[in-house]
Amino acid sequence: MIFYPQAEFAQSAAAAVAPTEISADQGPCSALVTVTGADGKPVYNAKVTARVRSGFMSTKKLDLETFTSAAGQVKIVGLPEAPKKDVIIYISKDDKMETVEFKRDGPCHENFDVHLK
């Protein structure tokens, strides 16, 4: 029988949890958002929203909304390779909020580390 200190067990358990996944169904790209708190621990159940614009003059809008997993992660898949406008991703929990941008000229598979303070 192996005994782990409480902190090590919590970190290994969080690492084993898959990120929450949501799809825009518009292309092959993705954005992985990892949310941590001021203490450096993953933030569970943080709200993540994004708007993906497409079509002529960006008239079509797709609003995405989900919450982080126990590991503090959300993966947005199916993002377009060349979105009409940058996709702004909003992350909020309680009274804290941060934003990140999935840029049109950036890499197709982006990782974002967000620290809510």
Protein backbone atom coordinates (compact mmCIF):
# COMPACT_ATOMS: atom_id res chain seq x y z
CA MET A 1 0.00 0.00 0.00
CA ILE A 2 1.35 3.43 -1.00
CA PHE A 3 0.55 6.56 0.97
CA TYR A 4 0.68 9.93 -0.75
CA PRO A 5 0.81 13.25 1.03
CA GLN A 6 -2.50 15.06 0.56
CA ALA A 7 -1.04 17.76 -1.76
CA GLU A 8 0.60 15.25 -4.12
CA PHE A 9 -2.59 13.18 -4.36
CA ALA A 10 -4.70 16.25 -5.18
CA GLN A 11 -2.32 17.31 -7.95
CA SER A 12 -2.13 13.84 -9.50
CA ALA A 13 -5.93 13.43 -9.33
CA ALA A 14 -6.46 16.81 -11.06
CA ALA A 15 -3.96 15.89 -13.78
CA ALA A 16 -5.92 12.71 -14.54
CA VAL A 17 -9.17 14.62 -15.23
CA ALA A 18 -9.83 15.36 -18.90
CA PRO A 19 -10.66 18.94 -19.86
CA THR A 20 -14.24 19.94 -20.54
CA GLU A 21 -14.66 20.03 -24.32
CA ILE A 22 -16.96 22.13 -26.47
CA SER A 23 -17.03 22.33 -30.27
CA ALA A 24 -17.63 25.21 -32.67
CA ASP A 25 -17.83 22.74 -35.62
CA GLN A 26 -16.18 25.21 -38.00
CA GLY A 27 -12.68 23.90 -38.60
CA PRO A 28 -9.64 21.91 -37.40
CA CYS A 29 -8.23 24.33 -34.81
CA SER A 30 -8.48 24.28 -31.02
CA ALA A 31 -7.77 26.32 -27.89
CA LEU A 32 -6.92 24.75 -24.54
CA VAL A 33 -7.57 27.08 -21.60
CA THR A 34 -6.06 26.19 -18.21
CA VAL A 35 -7.39 28.27 -15.30
CA THR A 36 -5.58 28.60 -11.97
CA GLY A 37 -6.32 30.72 -8.95
CA ALA A 38 -4.10 33.08 -6.98
CA ASP A 39 -2.86 30.05 -5.00
CA GLY A 40 -1.78 28.28 -8.21
CA LYS A 41 -4.41 25.53 -7.91
CA PRO A 42 -6.84 24.63 -10.73
CA VAL A 43 -10.13 26.53 -10.65
CA TYR A 44 -13.14 24.22 -10.93
CA ASN A 45 -16.40 25.45 -12.47
CA ALA A 46 -15.09 28.74 -13.89
CA LYS A 47 -17.37 30.00 -16.66
CA VAL A 48 -15.79 30.14 -20.13
CA THR A 49 -17.60 31.90 -22.99
CA ALA A 50 -16.58 32.76 -26.55
CA ARG A 51 -18.19 34.16 -29.70
CA VAL A 52 -17.11 32.81 -33.10
CA ARG A 53 -18.01 34.99 -36.10
CA SER A 54 -18.29 33.66 -39.64
CA GLY A 55 -20.02 34.29 -42.93
CA PHE A 56 -20.21 37.37 -45.10
CA MET A 57 -19.25 40.45 -43.06
CA SER A 58 -19.18 38.26 -39.92
CA THR A 59 -22.97 38.23 -39.77
CA LYS A 60 -23.16 34.68 -38.40
CA LYS A 61 -22.36 34.44 -34.70
CA LEU A 62 -21.93 31.32 -32.60
CA ASP A 63 -21.89 31.77 -28.83
CA LEU A 64 -20.16 29.04 -26.81
CA GLU A 65 -20.44 28.59 -23.05
CA THR A 66 -19.11 25.92 -20.70
CA PHE A 67 -17.39 25.46 -17.33
CA THR A 68 -13.92 24.24 -16.40
CA SER A 69 -13.30 20.66 -15.29
CA ALA A 70 -11.83 19.66 -11.92
CA ALA A 71 -8.41 20.15 -13.54
CA GLY A 72 -9.36 23.76 -14.35
CA GLN A 73 -9.35 23.15 -18.11
CA VAL A 74 -11.60 23.77 -21.11
CA LYS A 75 -10.79 22.73 -24.67
CA ILE A 76 -12.58 24.56 -27.46
CA VAL A 77 -12.35 22.45 -30.62
CA GLY A 78 -13.63 22.97 -34.14
CA LEU A 79 -12.40 26.56 -34.40
CA PRO A 80 -11.92 27.88 -37.95
CA GLU A 81 -8.41 28.09 -39.39
CA ALA A 82 -8.96 31.70 -40.45
CA PRO A 83 -11.75 33.22 -38.37
CA LYS A 84 -13.25 36.47 -39.67
CA LYS A 85 -12.35 38.17 -36.38
CA ASP A 86 -10.21 37.18 -33.41
CA VAL A 87 -12.11 34.91 -31.02
CA ILE A 88 -12.13 36.48 -27.58
CA ILE A 89 -12.47 33.94 -24.79
CA TYR A 90 -13.86 35.20 -21.46
CA ILE A 91 -13.06 33.36 -18.24
CA SER A 92 -14.86 34.28 -15.01
CA LYS A 93 -15.35 32.94 -11.51
CA ASP A 94 -17.09 34.88 -8.73
CA ASP A 95 -15.99 38.51 -9.16
CA LYS A 96 -12.78 37.73 -11.11
CA MET A 97 -12.54 37.88 -14.90
CA GLU A 98 -9.82 37.50 -17.54
CA THR A 99 -9.80 37.36 -21.34
CA VAL A 100 -7.56 35.71 -23.93
CA GLU A 101 -7.62 35.96 -27.73
CA PHE A 102 -7.47 33.19 -30.31
CA LYS A 103 -5.92 35.30 -33.07
CA ARG A 104 -6.54 34.99 -36.79
CA ASP A 105 -2.81 35.02 -37.55
CA GLY A 106 -1.79 32.83 -34.58
CA PRO A 107 -1.15 29.09 -34.39
CA CYS A 108 -4.01 26.69 -35.12
CA HIS A 109 -3.68 24.86 -31.77
CA GLU A 110 -3.23 27.37 -28.96
CA ASN A 111 -2.69 26.86 -25.21
CA PHE A 112 -3.66 29.58 -22.76
CA ASP A 113 -2.71 29.73 -19.07
CA VAL A 114 -5.06 32.03 -17.18
CA HIS A 115 -4.49 33.15 -13.59
CA LEU A 116 -7.61 34.47 -11.86
CA LYS A 117 -6.58 36.80 -9.06
